[in-house]
Amino acid sequence: MKNVYRFFSKPGFLSTNYTMKFLFIAFIGVHIPLIVLIMAIAFHWISLEGWNIIAVALLATLVATAGTLYLLRGLLWPLHEAKKALSDYTGKKIIPTLPLHYTDEAGQLLQQVQLTIDSMDGLLRERKDLLALLSHDLRTAFAQMSHIGALIQTEKNQDTIQHYGLLVHKTATEQLRFIEDMVMILEGGNEENQSHVYESIKIEQVIGLAIDAQHISGLSKQIQVLKHHIPDVSVKCNLRLLSQAISNIIGNAIKFSHRGGEVIIKVHLFSGHIHILIADKGVGFESGKAELIFQKFTSEGQSGTEGEISAGIGLYLTRKIIQNHGGMIAAFSEGINKGAVFTIQLPIAG
């Protein structure tokens, strides 16, 4: 069937018109019996007796009809492929590889089916990633609040208890807003409802929120997060999503640093972009495996220096968020126990 459609797509006058292919085959099929009969008489293949003429005409008509039906069936190949592709995707989640070079209406149908399936699959994967991000970050937030709760139970100083209470309130409030943004994105709200999601925000505010989110984690391991001078520039972003992504990097640095260590944060401007550098002197990783740590459920995931659990998805989700903000993220380490450096590049707003 594919060969029939491919053959009739080669002639220029048929290549861009699907209907013309059917009409052309039907026209030839209708006239074949007449052509055969004329040739039979002209070349004296048969005598001019009545029954001979009727027999030849009938036989030519049957053969022409069978050939025409076969060719017309072959022209239906794109429709069968489109149906099969949709069926395979909806039933087995198989992504098809339909031919996209045909230019007639059937070829355009194949292109649209492929585009639709690719878009649907991308959308589903995006939704799964968002749900994974929601799960990952909620788990982190609740772990922090649980740790603060444990500190409150053993703390006697009322000012410190009040400070911890404010941290719990702040964390819970930020996570509630984060959930609201995620729900809006998952529901695919209209543009007016999402107009507040991406705003021009000072990069110092984004980084400050990220550092605050990891305050308890750093405190529990006596790790200092040192922030160098940050330029007065803005980035167009979703504040909670971008700060969460940067917070994930800081949290990783704390997780894989030894007690009493330091995490350094520096910001530079270069060629219209903000470059954020987050460095630690922790366990690091093998230099050739920088890309592997950004993979979903990476096999390179490991526990922190004090047994902190790694879900193997945090850096994958962080990269997704950075990329959705038009940026890039990369990691570097000279090797095991030689620390790690993460660099984030984001476009300056305006």
C-alpha atoms as a PDB file:
ATOM      1  CA  MET A   1       0.000   0.000   0.000  1.00  0.00           C
ATOM      2  CA  LYS A   2       2.803   2.393   0.855  1.00  0.00           C
ATOM      3  CA  ASN A   3       4.473   1.858  -2.522  1.00  0.00           C
ATOM      4  CA  VAL A   4       1.264   2.754  -4.392  1.00  0.00           C
ATOM      5  CA  TYR A   5       0.898   6.047  -2.529  1.00  0.00           C
ATOM      6  CA  ARG A   6       4.614   6.771  -2.911  1.00  0.00           C
ATOM      7  CA  PHE A   7       4.487   6.066  -6.679  1.00  0.00           C
ATOM      8  CA  PHE A   8       1.543   8.390  -7.314  1.00  0.00           C
ATOM      9  CA  SER A   9       3.132  11.106  -5.170  1.00  0.00           C
ATOM     10  CA  LYS A  10       6.115  11.445  -7.530  1.00  0.00           C
ATOM     11  CA  PRO A  11       4.483  13.092 -10.600  1.00  0.00           C
ATOM     12  CA  GLY A  12       4.417  16.852 -10.168  1.00  0.00           C
ATOM     13  CA  PHE A  13       0.738  17.308 -11.018  1.00  0.00           C
ATOM     14  CA  LEU A  14      -0.250  14.646  -8.440  1.00  0.00           C
ATOM     15  CA  SER A  15       2.263  15.333  -5.651  1.00  0.00           C
ATOM     16  CA  THR A  16       0.350  18.144  -3.941  1.00  0.00           C
ATOM     17  CA  ASN A  17      -3.253  17.039  -4.493  1.00  0.00           C
ATOM     18  CA  TYR A  18      -4.648  13.942  -2.782  1.00  0.00           C
ATOM     19  CA  THR A  19      -8.022  14.171  -4.527  1.00  0.00           C
ATOM     20  CA  MET A  20      -6.344  14.345  -7.930  1.00  0.00           C
ATOM     21  CA  LYS A  21      -4.659  11.003  -7.257  1.00  0.00           C
ATOM     22  CA  PHE A  22      -8.062   9.324  -6.816  1.00  0.00           C
ATOM     23  CA  LEU A  23      -9.526  11.025  -9.876  1.00  0.00           C
ATOM     24  CA  PHE A  24      -6.503  10.087 -11.989  1.00  0.00           C
ATOM     25  CA  ILE A  25      -6.669   6.401 -11.032  1.00  0.00           C
ATOM     26  CA  ALA A  26     -10.459   6.342 -11.509  1.00  0.00           C
ATOM     27  CA  PHE A  27     -10.134   7.998 -14.931  1.00  0.00           C
ATOM     28  CA  ILE A  28      -7.549   5.447 -16.098  1.00  0.00           C
ATOM     29  CA  GLY A  29      -9.556   2.558 -14.655  1.00  0.00           C
ATOM     30  CA  VAL A  30     -12.741   3.601 -16.433  1.00  0.00           C
ATOM     31  CA  HIS A  31     -11.034   3.900 -19.811  1.00  0.00           C
ATOM     32  CA  ILE A  32      -8.888   0.758 -19.722  1.00  0.00           C
ATOM     33  CA  PRO A  33     -11.680  -1.548 -20.999  1.00  0.00           C
ATOM     34  CA  LEU A  34     -12.299   0.781 -23.954  1.00  0.00           C
ATOM     35  CA  ILE A  35      -8.573   1.060 -24.740  1.00  0.00           C
ATOM     36  CA  VAL A  36      -8.137  -2.739 -24.612  1.00  0.00           C
ATOM     37  CA  LEU A  37     -11.151  -3.289 -26.842  1.00  0.00           C
ATOM     38  CA  ILE A  38      -9.928  -0.744 -29.412  1.00  0.00           C
ATOM     39  CA  MET A  39      -6.452  -2.253 -29.451  1.00  0.00           C
ATOM     40  CA  ALA A  40      -7.852  -5.793 -29.751  1.00  0.00           C
ATOM     41  CA  ILE A  41      -9.864  -4.792 -32.782  1.00  0.00           C
ATOM     42  CA  ALA A  42      -7.137  -2.589 -34.319  1.00  0.00           C
ATOM     43  CA  PHE A  43      -4.470  -5.257 -34.114  1.00  0.00           C
ATOM     44  CA  HIS A  44      -6.873  -8.087 -34.983  1.00  0.00           C
ATOM     45  CA  TRP A  45      -6.416  -9.869 -31.669  1.00  0.00           C
ATOM     46  CA  ILE A  46      -9.997 -11.017 -31.978  1.00  0.00           C
ATOM     47  CA  SER A  47     -12.528 -11.356 -34.749  1.00  0.00           C
ATOM     48  CA  LEU A  48     -15.365  -8.862 -34.949  1.00  0.00           C
ATOM     49  CA  GLU A  49     -17.960 -11.370 -33.856  1.00  0.00           C
ATOM     50  CA  GLY A  50     -20.331 -10.080 -31.162  1.00  0.00           C
ATOM     51  CA  TRP A  51     -19.578 -12.561 -28.409  1.00  0.00           C
ATOM     52  CA  ASN A  52     -15.822 -12.087 -28.763  1.00  0.00           C
ATOM     53  CA  ILE A  53     -16.175  -8.337 -28.328  1.00  0.00           C
ATOM     54  CA  ILE A  54     -18.445  -8.810 -25.293  1.00  0.00           C
ATOM     55  CA  ALA A  55     -16.031 -11.310 -23.702  1.00  0.00           C
ATOM     56  CA  VAL A  56     -12.986  -9.059 -24.184  1.00  0.00           C
ATOM     57  CA  ALA A  57     -14.858  -5.994 -22.899  1.00  0.00           C
ATOM     58  CA  LEU A  58     -16.126  -7.905 -19.857  1.00  0.00           C
ATOM     59  CA  LEU A  59     -12.710  -9.371 -19.059  1.00  0.00           C
ATOM     60  CA  ALA A  60     -10.982  -5.987 -19.480  1.00  0.00           C
ATOM     61  CA  THR A  61     -13.616  -4.354 -17.254  1.00  0.00           C
ATOM     62  CA  LEU A  62     -13.114  -6.934 -14.481  1.00  0.00           C
ATOM     63  CA  VAL A  63      -9.333  -6.632 -14.617  1.00  0.00           C
ATOM     64  CA  ALA A  64      -9.492  -2.829 -14.730  1.00  0.00           C
ATOM     65  CA  THR A  65     -11.940  -2.738 -11.816  1.00  0.00           C
ATOM     66  CA  ALA A  66      -9.756  -5.023  -9.698  1.00  0.00           C
ATOM     67  CA  GLY A  67      -6.633  -2.988 -10.510  1.00  0.00           C
ATOM     68  CA  THR A  68      -8.402   0.293  -9.810  1.00  0.00           C
ATOM     69  CA  LEU A  69      -9.707  -0.928  -6.436  1.00  0.00           C
ATOM     70  CA  TYR A  70      -6.214  -2.142  -5.501  1.00  0.00           C
ATOM     71  CA  LEU A  71      -4.649   1.190  -6.397  1.00  0.00           C
ATOM     72  CA  LEU A  72      -7.362   3.177  -4.633  1.00  0.00           C
ATOM     73  CA  ARG A  73      -6.846   1.016  -1.549  1.00  0.00           C
ATOM     74  CA  GLY A  74      -3.143   1.783  -1.746  1.00  0.00           C
ATOM     75  CA  LEU A  75      -3.929   5.493  -1.680  1.00  0.00           C
ATOM     76  CA  LEU A  76      -5.593   4.982   1.708  1.00  0.00           C
ATOM     77  CA  TRP A  77      -2.227   4.044   3.256  1.00  0.00           C
ATOM     78  CA  PRO A  78      -1.696   7.482   4.918  1.00  0.00           C
ATOM     79  CA  LEU A  79      -5.095   7.204   6.621  1.00  0.00           C
ATOM     80  CA  HIS A  80      -4.290   3.708   7.909  1.00  0.00           C
ATOM     81  CA  GLU A  81      -0.910   4.939   9.181  1.00  0.00           C
ATOM     82  CA  ALA A  82      -2.499   7.906  10.935  1.00  0.00           C
ATOM     83  CA  LYS A  83      -5.076   5.647  12.597  1.00  0.00           C
ATOM     84  CA  LYS A  84      -2.405   3.130  13.627  1.00  0.00           C
ATOM     85  CA  ALA A  85      -0.177   5.881  15.037  1.00  0.00           C
ATOM     86  CA  LEU A  86      -2.995   7.289  17.178  1.00  0.00           C
ATOM     87  CA  SER A  87      -4.031   3.808  18.305  1.00  0.00           C
ATOM     88  CA  ASP A  88      -0.459   2.827  19.228  1.00  0.00           C
ATOM     89  CA  TYR A  89       0.050   6.030  21.179  1.00  0.00           C
ATOM     90  CA  THR A  90      -3.239   6.000  23.082  1.00  0.00           C
ATOM     91  CA  GLY A  91      -3.065   2.256  23.780  1.00  0.00           C
ATOM     92  CA  LYS A  92       0.661   1.542  24.174  1.00  0.00           C
ATOM     93  CA  LYS A  93       2.256   5.014  24.479  1.00  0.00           C
ATOM     94  CA  ILE A  94       4.412   4.269  21.404  1.00  0.00           C
ATOM     95  CA  ILE A  95       5.707   7.427  19.689  1.00  0.00           C
ATOM     96  CA  PRO A  96       5.396   6.964  15.891  1.00  0.00           C
ATOM     97  CA  THR A  97       7.844   8.110  13.243  1.00  0.00           C
ATOM     98  CA  LEU A  98       5.512   9.047  10.406  1.00  0.00           C
ATOM     99  CA  PRO A  99       6.882  10.242   7.038  1.00  0.00           C
ATOM    100  CA  LEU A 100       6.714  14.030   6.896  1.00  0.00           C
ATOM    101  CA  HIS A 101       7.874  14.765   3.338  1.00  0.00           C
ATOM    102  CA  TYR A 102       4.584  14.255   1.477  1.00  0.00           C
ATOM    103  CA  THR A 103       2.910  17.536   0.554  1.00  0.00           C
ATOM    104  CA  ASP A 104      -0.670  16.622  -0.363  1.00  0.00           C
ATOM    105  CA  GLU A 105      -3.623  16.667   2.045  1.00  0.00           C
ATOM    106  CA  ALA A 106      -2.883  13.137   3.301  1.00  0.00           C
ATOM    107  CA  GLY A 107       0.774  14.060   3.848  1.00  0.00           C
ATOM    108  CA  GLN A 108      -0.317  17.118   5.806  1.00  0.00           C
ATOM    109  CA  LEU A 109      -2.552  14.852   7.894  1.00  0.00           C
ATOM    110  CA  LEU A 110       0.464  12.666   8.738  1.00  0.00           C
ATOM    111  CA  GLN A 111       2.428  15.774   9.700  1.00  0.00           C
ATOM    112  CA  GLN A 112      -0.377  17.003  11.946  1.00  0.00           C
ATOM    113  CA  VAL A 113      -0.795  13.597  13.608  1.00  0.00           C
ATOM    114  CA  GLN A 114       2.960  13.406  14.303  1.00  0.00           C
ATOM    115  CA  LEU A 115       3.006  16.981  15.620  1.00  0.00           C
ATOM    116  CA  THR A 116      -0.043  16.364  17.813  1.00  0.00           C
ATOM    117  CA  ILE A 117       1.361  13.164  19.312  1.00  0.00           C
ATOM    118  CA  ASP A 118       4.756  14.766  19.922  1.00  0.00           C
ATOM    119  CA  SER A 119       3.068  17.755  21.565  1.00  0.00           C
ATOM    120  CA  MET A 120       0.808  15.568  23.703  1.00  0.00           C
ATOM    121  CA  ASP A 121       3.726  13.416  24.806  1.00  0.00           C
ATOM    122  CA  GLY A 122       5.803  16.470  25.618  1.00  0.00           C
ATOM    123  CA  LEU A 123       2.906  17.941  27.584  1.00  0.00           C
ATOM    124  CA  LEU A 124       2.395  14.717  29.541  1.00  0.00           C
ATOM    125  CA  ARG A 125       6.110  14.504  30.341  1.00  0.00           C
ATOM    126  CA  GLU A 126       6.060  18.147  31.412  1.00  0.00           C
ATOM    127  CA  ARG A 127       3.117  17.458  33.717  1.00  0.00           C
ATOM    128  CA  LYS A 128       4.918  14.455  35.213  1.00  0.00           C
ATOM    129  CA  ASP A 129       8.006  16.583  35.785  1.00  0.00           C
ATOM    130  CA  LEU A 130       5.936  19.290  37.469  1.00  0.00           C
ATOM    131  CA  LEU A 131       4.297  16.729  39.726  1.00  0.00           C
ATOM    132  CA  ALA A 132       7.704  15.248  40.522  1.00  0.00           C
ATOM    133  CA  LEU A 133       8.974  18.756  41.320  1.00  0.00           C
ATOM    134  CA  LEU A 134       5.971  19.392  43.555  1.00  0.00           C
ATOM    135  CA  SER A 135       6.521  16.104  45.388  1.00  0.00           C
ATOM    136  CA  HIS A 136      10.278  16.653  45.711  1.00  0.00           C
ATOM    137  CA  ASP A 137      10.052  20.189  47.057  1.00  0.00           C
ATOM    138  CA  LEU A 138       7.164  19.490  49.402  1.00  0.00           C
ATOM    139  CA  ARG A 139       9.163  16.612  50.859  1.00  0.00           C
ATOM    140  CA  THR A 140      12.119  18.965  51.384  1.00  0.00           C
ATOM    141  CA  ALA A 141       9.953  21.656  52.998  1.00  0.00           C
ATOM    142  CA  PHE A 142       8.227  19.236  55.364  1.00  0.00           C
ATOM    143  CA  ALA A 143      11.592  17.719  56.322  1.00  0.00           C
ATOM    144  CA  GLN A 144      12.834  21.201  57.230  1.00  0.00           C
ATOM    145  CA  MET A 145       9.717  22.003  59.266  1.00  0.00           C
ATOM    146  CA  SER A 146      10.002  18.652  61.023  1.00  0.00           C
ATOM    147  CA  HIS A 147      13.607  19.437  61.904  1.00  0.00           C
ATOM    148  CA  ILE A 148      12.617  22.891  63.192  1.00  0.00           C
ATOM    149  CA  GLY A 149       9.909  21.248  65.296  1.00  0.00           C
ATOM    150  CA  ALA A 150      12.488  18.971  66.871  1.00  0.00           C
ATOM    151  CA  LEU A 151      14.708  21.999  67.645  1.00  0.00           C
ATOM    152  CA  ILE A 152      11.800  23.860  69.256  1.00  0.00           C
ATOM    153  CA  GLN A 153      11.134  20.939  71.617  1.00  0.00           C
ATOM    154  CA  THR A 154      14.656  21.138  73.038  1.00  0.00           C
ATOM    155  CA  GLU A 155      15.053  24.922  72.987  1.00  0.00           C
ATOM    156  CA  LYS A 156      14.546  26.965  76.193  1.00  0.00           C
ATOM    157  CA  ASN A 157      15.215  30.488  74.920  1.00  0.00           C
ATOM    158  CA  GLN A 158      11.919  32.159  74.027  1.00  0.00           C
ATOM    159  CA  ASP A 159      13.484  34.458  71.419  1.00  0.00           C
ATOM    160  CA  THR A 160      15.027  31.473  69.619  1.00  0.00           C
ATOM    161  CA  ILE A 161      11.720  29.582  69.774  1.00  0.00           C
ATOM    162  CA  GLN A 162       9.961  32.609  68.278  1.00  0.00           C
ATOM    163  CA  HIS A 163      12.609  32.764  65.544  1.00  0.00           C
ATOM    164  CA  TYR A 164      12.057  29.085  64.722  1.00  0.00           C
ATOM    165  CA  GLY A 165       8.303  29.657  64.681  1.00  0.00           C
ATOM    166  CA  LEU A 166       8.734  32.468  62.161  1.00  0.00           C
ATOM    167  CA  LEU A 167      10.858  30.156  59.986  1.00  0.00           C
ATOM    168  CA  VAL A 168       8.120  27.500  60.034  1.00  0.00           C
ATOM    169  CA  HIS A 169       5.515  30.121  59.130  1.00  0.00           C
ATOM    170  CA  LYS A 170       7.665  31.517  56.323  1.00  0.00           C
ATOM    171  CA  THR A 171       8.436  28.073  54.897  1.00  0.00           C
ATOM    172  CA  ALA A 172       4.794  27.015  55.017  1.00  0.00           C
ATOM    173  CA  THR A 173       3.641  30.284  53.397  1.00  0.00           C
ATOM    174  CA  GLU A 174       6.183  30.023  50.571  1.00  0.00           C
ATOM    175  CA  GLN A 175       5.269  26.400  49.911  1.00  0.00           C
ATOM    176  CA  LEU A 176       1.552  27.286  49.842  1.00  0.00           C
ATOM    177  CA  ARG A 177       2.223  29.935  47.194  1.00  0.00           C
ATOM    178  CA  PHE A 178       4.468  27.506  45.347  1.00  0.00           C
ATOM    179  CA  ILE A 179       1.627  24.938  45.276  1.00  0.00           C
ATOM    180  CA  GLU A 180      -0.807  27.585  43.992  1.00  0.00           C
ATOM    181  CA  ASP A 181       1.549  28.429  41.103  1.00  0.00           C
ATOM    182  CA  MET A 182       2.075  24.755  40.298  1.00  0.00           C
ATOM    183  CA  VAL A 183      -1.671  24.049  40.307  1.00  0.00           C
ATOM    184  CA  MET A 184      -2.245  26.992  37.963  1.00  0.00           C
ATOM    185  CA  ILE A 185       0.424  25.718  35.570  1.00  0.00           C
ATOM    186  CA  LEU A 186      -0.921  22.150  35.710  1.00  0.00           C
ATOM    187  CA  GLU A 187      -4.446  23.368  35.019  1.00  0.00           C
ATOM    188  CA  GLY A 188      -3.182  25.394  32.060  1.00  0.00           C
ATOM    189  CA  GLY A 189      -4.880  28.596  33.135  1.00  0.00           C
ATOM    190  CA  ASN A 190      -5.351  31.408  30.617  1.00  0.00           C
ATOM    191  CA  GLU A 191      -2.775  34.097  30.005  1.00  0.00           C
ATOM    192  CA  GLU A 192      -4.499  36.718  32.162  1.00  0.00           C
ATOM    193  CA  ASN A 193      -4.583  34.388  35.168  1.00  0.00           C
ATOM    194  CA  GLN A 194      -0.888  33.581  34.732  1.00  0.00           C
ATOM    195  CA  SER A 195       0.325  37.106  34.005  1.00  0.00           C
ATOM    196  CA  HIS A 196       1.779  37.390  37.532  1.00  0.00           C
ATOM    197  CA  VAL A 197       3.733  34.120  37.308  1.00  0.00           C
ATOM    198  CA  TYR A 198       6.741  35.632  35.453  1.00  0.00           C
ATOM    199  CA  GLU A 199       7.823  39.032  36.726  1.00  0.00           C
ATOM    200  CA  SER A 200      10.954  41.158  36.690  1.00  0.00           C
ATOM    201  CA  ILE A 201      12.605  40.397  40.051  1.00  0.00           C
ATOM    202  CA  LYS A 202      15.932  41.529  41.508  1.00  0.00           C
ATOM    203  CA  ILE A 203      18.367  38.623  41.380  1.00  0.00           C
ATOM    204  CA  GLU A 204      19.407  39.442  44.970  1.00  0.00           C
ATOM    205  CA  GLN A 205      15.830  38.777  46.111  1.00  0.00           C
ATOM    206  CA  VAL A 206      15.757  35.435  44.259  1.00  0.00           C
ATOM    207  CA  ILE A 207      19.055  34.296  45.775  1.00  0.00           C
ATOM    208  CA  GLY A 208      18.083  35.602  49.214  1.00  0.00           C
ATOM    209  CA  LEU A 209      14.898  33.543  49.181  1.00  0.00           C
ATOM    210  CA  ALA A 210      16.890  30.486  48.077  1.00  0.00           C
ATOM    211  CA  ILE A 211      19.400  30.926  50.918  1.00  0.00           C
ATOM    212  CA  ASP A 212      16.619  31.414  53.492  1.00  0.00           C
ATOM    213  CA  ALA A 213      15.011  28.144  52.384  1.00  0.00           C
ATOM    214  CA  GLN A 214      18.224  26.289  53.282  1.00  0.00           C
ATOM    215  CA  HIS A 215      18.898  28.145  56.531  1.00  0.00           C
ATOM    216  CA  ILE A 216      17.943  25.239  58.795  1.00  0.00           C
ATOM    217  CA  SER A 217      19.836  22.694  56.680  1.00  0.00           C
ATOM    218  CA  GLY A 218      23.002  24.790  56.954  1.00  0.00           C
ATOM    219  CA  LEU A 219      22.440  25.450  60.645  1.00  0.00           C
ATOM    220  CA  SER A 220      22.043  21.759  61.437  1.00  0.00           C
ATOM    221  CA  LYS A 221      25.469  20.981  59.889  1.00  0.00           C
ATOM    222  CA  GLN A 222      27.119  24.240  61.008  1.00  0.00           C
ATOM    223  CA  ILE A 223      27.758  25.153  57.372  1.00  0.00           C
ATOM    224  CA  GLN A 224      28.035  28.811  56.426  1.00  0.00           C
ATOM    225  CA  VAL A 225      26.463  30.025  53.186  1.00  0.00           C
ATOM    226  CA  LEU A 226      28.580  33.001  52.176  1.00  0.00           C
ATOM    227  CA  LYS A 227      27.037  35.402  49.674  1.00  0.00           C
ATOM    228  CA  HIS A 228      29.405  37.803  47.907  1.00  0.00           C
ATOM    229  CA  HIS A 229      28.307  41.143  46.476  1.00  0.00           C
ATOM    230  CA  ILE A 230      25.356  40.712  44.111  1.00  0.00           C
ATOM    231  CA  PRO A 231      24.867  43.203  41.236  1.00  0.00           C
ATOM    232  CA  ASP A 232      21.683  45.284  41.173  1.00  0.00           C
ATOM    233  CA  VAL A 233      20.048  43.590  38.171  1.00  0.00           C
ATOM    234  CA  SER A 234      16.745  41.827  37.561  1.00  0.00           C
ATOM    235  CA  VAL A 235      15.679  38.605  35.928  1.00  0.00           C
ATOM    236  CA  LYS A 236      12.258  37.811  34.443  1.00  0.00           C
ATOM    237  CA  CYS A 237      11.117  34.806  36.411  1.00  0.00           C
ATOM    238  CA  ASN A 238       8.635  32.982  38.554  1.00  0.00           C
ATOM    239  CA  LEU A 239      10.118  33.941  41.910  1.00  0.00           C
ATOM    240  CA  ARG A 240       9.177  30.772  43.766  1.00  0.00           C
ATOM    241  CA  LEU A 241      10.170  28.384  40.977  1.00  0.00           C
ATOM    242  CA  LEU A 242      13.530  30.018  40.234  1.00  0.00           C
ATOM    243  CA  SER A 243      14.421  30.491  43.908  1.00  0.00           C
ATOM    244  CA  GLN A 244      13.459  26.855  44.481  1.00  0.00           C
ATOM    245  CA  ALA A 245      15.835  25.774  41.699  1.00  0.00           C
ATOM    246  CA  ILE A 246      18.727  27.796  43.170  1.00  0.00           C
ATOM    247  CA  SER A 247      17.772  26.546  46.626  1.00  0.00           C
ATOM    248  CA  ASN A 248      18.091  22.979  45.341  1.00  0.00           C
ATOM    249  CA  ILE A 249      21.702  23.683  44.308  1.00  0.00           C
ATOM    250  CA  ILE A 250      22.507  25.292  47.674  1.00  0.00           C
ATOM    251  CA  GLY A 251      20.813  22.387  49.444  1.00  0.00           C
ATOM    252  CA  ASN A 252      22.900  19.932  47.451  1.00  0.00           C
ATOM    253  CA  ALA A 253      26.068  21.818  48.351  1.00  0.00           C
ATOM    254  CA  ILE A 254      25.127  21.632  52.034  1.00  0.00           C
ATOM    255  CA  LYS A 255      24.135  17.974  51.768  1.00  0.00           C
ATOM    256  CA  PHE A 256      27.475  16.951  50.267  1.00  0.00           C
ATOM    257  CA  SER A 257      29.640  19.249  52.408  1.00  0.00           C
ATOM    258  CA  HIS A 258      31.278  18.161  55.626  1.00  0.00           C
ATOM    259  CA  ARG A 259      30.186  19.605  58.951  1.00  0.00           C
ATOM    260  CA  GLY A 260      31.618  23.078  59.554  1.00  0.00           C
ATOM    261  CA  GLY A 261      32.234  23.731  55.865  1.00  0.00           C
ATOM    262  CA  GLU A 262      31.323  26.630  53.593  1.00  0.00           C
ATOM    263  CA  VAL A 263      29.172  27.205  50.534  1.00  0.00           C
ATOM    264  CA  ILE A 264      30.200  30.194  48.386  1.00  0.00           C
ATOM    265  CA  ILE A 265      27.772  32.122  46.163  1.00  0.00           C
ATOM    266  CA  LYS A 266      29.074  34.658  43.631  1.00  0.00           C
ATOM    267  CA  VAL A 267      27.258  36.563  40.884  1.00  0.00           C
ATOM    268  CA  HIS A 268      28.854  38.117  37.781  1.00  0.00           C
ATOM    269  CA  LEU A 269      27.452  39.905  34.733  1.00  0.00           C
ATOM    270  CA  PHE A 270      28.690  39.032  31.281  1.00  0.00           C
ATOM    271  CA  SER A 271      27.313  39.564  27.767  1.00  0.00           C
ATOM    272  CA  GLY A 272      23.774  40.400  28.858  1.00  0.00           C
ATOM    273  CA  HIS A 273      23.527  37.449  31.238  1.00  0.00           C
ATOM    274  CA  ILE A 274      23.646  36.826  34.971  1.00  0.00           C
ATOM    275  CA  HIS A 275      26.162  34.147  35.957  1.00  0.00           C
ATOM    276  CA  ILE A 276      25.566  32.588  39.387  1.00  0.00           C
ATOM    277  CA  LEU A 277      28.364  30.442  40.837  1.00  0.00           C
ATOM    278  CA  ILE A 278      27.669  28.104  43.776  1.00  0.00           C
ATOM    279  CA  ALA A 279      30.752  26.302  45.084  1.00  0.00           C
ATOM    280  CA  ASP A 280      31.476  23.907  47.939  1.00  0.00           C
ATOM    281  CA  LYS A 281      34.440  21.871  49.217  1.00  0.00           C
ATOM    282  CA  GLY A 282      32.489  18.668  49.736  1.00  0.00           C
ATOM    283  CA  VAL A 283      32.553  15.189  48.254  1.00  0.00           C
ATOM    284  CA  GLY A 284      32.425  16.327  44.601  1.00  0.00           C
ATOM    285  CA  PHE A 285      32.079  13.812  41.759  1.00  0.00           C
ATOM    286  CA  GLU A 286      34.111  12.252  38.965  1.00  0.00           C
ATOM    287  CA  SER A 287      34.920  14.897  36.377  1.00  0.00           C
ATOM    288  CA  GLY A 288      33.533  12.869  33.458  1.00  0.00           C
ATOM    289  CA  LYS A 289      30.117  12.430  35.058  1.00  0.00           C
ATOM    290  CA  ALA A 290      28.971  16.049  35.181  1.00  0.00           C
ATOM    291  CA  GLU A 291      26.059  15.474  32.777  1.00  0.00           C
ATOM    292  CA  LEU A 292      24.949  12.242  34.428  1.00  0.00           C
ATOM    293  CA  ILE A 293      24.020  13.959  37.687  1.00  0.00           C
ATOM    294  CA  PHE A 294      21.348  15.987  35.826  1.00  0.00           C
ATOM    295  CA  GLN A 295      19.544  12.884  34.552  1.00  0.00           C
ATOM    296  CA  LYS A 296      16.183  11.870  35.978  1.00  0.00           C
ATOM    297  CA  PHE A 297      16.585   9.221  38.705  1.00  0.00           C
ATOM    298  CA  THR A 298      20.299   9.222  37.983  1.00  0.00           C
ATOM    299  CA  SER A 299      22.388   6.265  39.074  1.00  0.00           C
ATOM    300  CA  GLU A 300      24.998   8.792  40.239  1.00  0.00           C
ATOM    301  CA  GLY A 301      22.812   9.837  43.162  1.00  0.00           C
ATOM    302  CA  GLN A 302      24.333   9.283  46.598  1.00  0.00           C
ATOM    303  CA  SER A 303      23.633   9.976  50.243  1.00  0.00           C
ATOM    304  CA  GLY A 304      24.886  13.167  51.881  1.00  0.00           C
ATOM    305  CA  THR A 305      27.871  13.359  54.190  1.00  0.00           C
ATOM    306  CA  GLU A 306      25.606  12.658  57.182  1.00  0.00           C
ATOM    307  CA  GLY A 307      23.328  10.143  55.509  1.00  0.00           C
ATOM    308  CA  GLU A 308      20.886  12.631  53.936  1.00  0.00           C
ATOM    309  CA  ILE A 309      18.670  10.854  51.409  1.00  0.00           C
ATOM    310  CA  SER A 310      18.896  11.728  47.696  1.00  0.00           C
ATOM    311  CA  ALA A 311      15.847  11.129  45.479  1.00  0.00           C
ATOM    312  CA  GLY A 312      17.939  11.348  42.290  1.00  0.00           C
ATOM    313  CA  ILE A 313      15.609  13.860  40.651  1.00  0.00           C
ATOM    314  CA  GLY A 314      16.405  17.250  42.231  1.00  0.00           C
ATOM    315  CA  LEU A 315      19.070  18.344  39.740  1.00  0.00           C
ATOM    316  CA  TYR A 316      17.000  17.106  36.798  1.00  0.00           C
ATOM    317  CA  LEU A 317      14.073  19.270  37.896  1.00  0.00           C
ATOM    318  CA  THR A 318      16.395  22.177  38.655  1.00  0.00           C
ATOM    319  CA  ARG A 319      17.748  22.116  35.101  1.00  0.00           C
ATOM    320  CA  LYS A 320      14.181  22.015  33.727  1.00  0.00           C
ATOM    321  CA  ILE A 321      13.262  25.133  35.706  1.00  0.00           C
ATOM    322  CA  ILE A 322      16.425  26.976  34.653  1.00  0.00           C
ATOM    323  CA  GLN A 323      15.831  26.077  30.997  1.00  0.00           C
ATOM    324  CA  ASN A 324      12.206  27.250  31.228  1.00  0.00           C
ATOM    325  CA  HIS A 325      13.596  30.604  32.320  1.00  0.00           C
ATOM    326  CA  GLY A 326      15.798  30.777  29.218  1.00  0.00           C
ATOM    327  CA  GLY A 327      18.926  29.835  31.117  1.00  0.00           C
ATOM    328  CA  MET A 328      21.520  27.093  31.394  1.00  0.00           C
ATOM    329  CA  ILE A 329      23.130  25.197  34.244  1.00  0.00           C
ATOM    330  CA  ALA A 330      26.373  23.231  34.358  1.00  0.00           C
ATOM    331  CA  ALA A 331      28.427  21.425  36.992  1.00  0.00           C
ATOM    332  CA  PHE A 332      32.152  20.932  37.459  1.00  0.00           C
ATOM    333  CA  SER A 333      34.336  18.969  39.856  1.00  0.00           C
ATOM    334  CA  GLU A 334      37.994  18.038  39.805  1.00  0.00           C
ATOM    335  CA  GLY A 335      37.147  14.661  41.306  1.00  0.00           C
ATOM    336  CA  ILE A 336      35.997  12.830  44.418  1.00  0.00           C
ATOM    337  CA  ASN A 337      36.426  14.831  47.651  1.00  0.00           C
ATOM    338  CA  LYS A 338      37.519  17.920  45.702  1.00  0.00           C
ATOM    339  CA  GLY A 339      34.277  19.862  45.929  1.00  0.00           C
ATOM    340  CA  ALA A 340      31.860  20.916  43.218  1.00  0.00           C
ATOM    341  CA  VAL A 341      30.970  24.106  41.362  1.00  0.00           C
ATOM    342  CA  PHE A 342      27.566  24.783  39.789  1.00  0.00           C
ATOM    343  CA  THR A 343      27.111  27.663  37.370  1.00  0.00           C
ATOM    344  CA  ILE A 344      23.726  29.084  36.358  1.00  0.00           C
ATOM    345  CA  GLN A 345      23.336  31.478  33.442  1.00  0.00           C
ATOM    346  CA  LEU A 346      20.171  33.588  33.146  1.00  0.00           C
ATOM    347  CA  PRO A 347      19.266  36.458  30.799  1.00  0.00           C
ATOM    348  CA  ILE A 348      19.090  39.910  32.386  1.00  0.00           C
ATOM    349  CA  ALA A 349      15.528  41.267  32.328  1.00  0.00           C
ATOM    350  CA  GLY A 350      15.092  43.945  29.675  1.00  0.00           C
END
